[in-house]
Amino acid sequence: MKKSVIILGLIAAIVAVTLSASPYSNFAMVPIIIAFITGLALVFISKKEQVKPKPIQYIFLLVIMSIGLTIYKGVYNSIEEEEEEAIEHRSENEEEDSSKPMELLDDRPIE
């Protein structure tokens, strides 16, 4: 029982770190929750039985790392900000370009 919980927790924690470092960091919350719950279960199991604390420490370390990366990407998502600025810049250029032909038409003498 405890070995399967340790394996599940480590796999979930590794998947959480991998997802939080990728562009799909929003999907990292499910493995984070699974790893955290298995870590808590291991803490309660370790109180009843003698279990080495290293796997528990690794699981919580990976969970903390993945939470940190996920929060960082959520707060400092500069890619979306750059895209929004580029879209605004394009729309301003399109407005300027659309007004130039009208100005050219206005400058011609009427015959």
Protein backbone atom coordinates (compact mmCIF):
# COMPACT_ATOMS: atom_id res chain seq x y z
CA MET A 1 0.00 0.00 0.00
CA LYS A 2 2.62 2.53 1.01
CA LYS A 3 4.85 1.75 -1.98
CA SER A 4 1.99 2.33 -4.40
CA VAL A 5 1.16 5.63 -2.71
CA ILE A 6 4.83 6.66 -2.91
CA ILE A 7 4.99 5.76 -6.60
CA LEU A 8 1.71 7.56 -7.36
CA GLY A 9 2.89 10.65 -5.47
CA LEU A 10 6.26 10.78 -7.18
CA ILE A 11 4.75 10.30 -10.64
CA ALA A 12 2.12 12.98 -10.01
CA ALA A 13 4.78 15.37 -8.67
CA ILE A 14 7.05 14.82 -11.67
CA VAL A 15 4.14 15.31 -14.07
CA ALA A 16 3.18 18.48 -12.19
CA VAL A 17 6.68 19.93 -12.50
CA THR A 18 6.81 19.02 -16.18
CA LEU A 19 3.44 20.60 -16.92
CA SER A 20 4.18 23.71 -14.90
CA ALA A 21 7.40 24.27 -16.85
CA SER A 22 5.64 23.81 -20.20
CA PRO A 23 3.27 26.24 -21.91
CA TYR A 24 0.39 24.16 -20.49
CA SER A 25 1.00 25.33 -16.93
CA ASN A 26 -2.72 25.77 -16.31
CA PHE A 27 -3.17 22.00 -16.45
CA ALA A 28 -0.57 21.40 -13.73
CA MET A 29 -3.05 21.93 -10.90
CA VAL A 30 -4.56 18.43 -11.09
CA PRO A 31 -1.24 16.57 -10.64
CA ILE A 32 -0.24 19.09 -7.96
CA ILE A 33 -3.38 18.28 -5.97
CA ILE A 34 -2.90 14.53 -6.45
CA ALA A 35 0.74 14.71 -5.35
CA PHE A 36 -0.14 16.86 -2.34
CA ILE A 37 -2.88 14.46 -1.23
CA THR A 38 -0.58 11.45 -1.60
CA GLY A 39 2.09 13.33 0.35
CA LEU A 40 -0.37 13.94 3.17
CA ALA A 41 -1.43 10.30 3.07
CA LEU A 42 2.22 9.28 3.37
CA VAL A 43 2.63 11.54 6.39
CA PHE A 44 -0.27 9.80 8.12
CA ILE A 45 1.02 6.37 7.07
CA SER A 46 4.48 7.24 8.36
CA LYS A 47 3.02 8.04 11.79
CA LYS A 48 1.55 4.54 12.01
CA GLU A 49 4.44 2.66 10.42
CA GLN A 50 8.12 3.30 10.05
CA VAL A 51 8.56 4.85 6.58
CA LYS A 52 11.64 6.68 5.41
CA PRO A 53 10.89 10.39 5.13
CA LYS A 54 12.90 10.92 1.93
CA PRO A 55 10.07 10.12 -0.55
CA ILE A 56 7.72 12.38 1.38
CA GLN A 57 10.26 15.19 1.28
CA TYR A 58 10.82 14.72 -2.46
CA ILE A 59 7.11 14.77 -3.18
CA PHE A 60 6.56 17.99 -1.23
CA LEU A 61 9.67 19.58 -2.76
CA LEU A 62 8.42 18.85 -6.27
CA VAL A 63 4.94 20.09 -5.37
CA ILE A 64 6.38 23.36 -4.06
CA MET A 65 8.49 23.77 -7.19
CA SER A 66 5.54 23.17 -9.49
CA ILE A 67 3.30 25.54 -7.53
CA GLY A 68 5.99 28.20 -7.75
CA LEU A 69 6.41 27.77 -11.49
CA THR A 70 2.66 27.79 -12.07
CA ILE A 71 2.19 30.98 -10.05
CA TYR A 72 5.14 32.61 -11.80
CA LYS A 73 3.74 31.83 -15.23
CA GLY A 74 0.31 33.01 -14.20
CA VAL A 75 1.52 36.34 -12.89
CA TYR A 76 4.24 37.12 -15.41
CA ASN A 77 2.70 35.91 -18.62
CA SER A 78 4.62 38.23 -20.89
CA ILE A 79 3.79 36.36 -24.08
CA GLU A 80 0.14 37.38 -23.97
CA GLU A 81 1.08 40.95 -23.15
CA GLU A 82 3.42 41.11 -26.14
CA GLU A 83 0.73 39.70 -28.40
CA GLU A 84 -1.77 42.28 -27.19
CA GLU A 85 0.71 45.08 -27.80
CA ALA A 86 1.42 43.75 -31.29
CA ILE A 87 -2.29 43.59 -32.08
CA GLU A 88 -2.79 47.16 -30.85
CA HIS A 89 0.19 48.33 -32.89
CA ARG A 90 -1.19 46.61 -36.01
CA SER A 91 -4.61 48.18 -35.55
CA GLU A 92 -3.04 51.65 -35.22
CA ASN A 93 -1.02 51.08 -38.38
CA GLU A 94 -4.13 49.92 -40.23
CA GLU A 95 -5.99 53.07 -39.17
CA GLU A 96 -3.13 55.25 -40.41
CA ASP A 97 -2.91 53.34 -43.69
CA SER A 98 -6.64 53.61 -44.30
CA SER A 99 -6.58 57.39 -43.83
CA LYS A 100 -3.75 57.99 -46.34
CA PRO A 101 -5.75 57.19 -49.50
CA MET A 102 -8.45 59.61 -48.38
CA GLU A 103 -5.87 62.36 -47.91
CA LEU A 104 -4.51 61.70 -51.39
CA LEU A 105 -7.97 62.01 -52.85
CA ASP A 106 -8.58 65.30 -51.03
CA ASP A 107 -5.37 66.87 -52.40
CA ARG A 108 -6.28 66.39 -56.06
CA PRO A 109 -7.78 69.39 -57.80
CA ILE A 110 -11.40 69.18 -58.87
CA GLU A 111 -11.86 69.28 -62.64
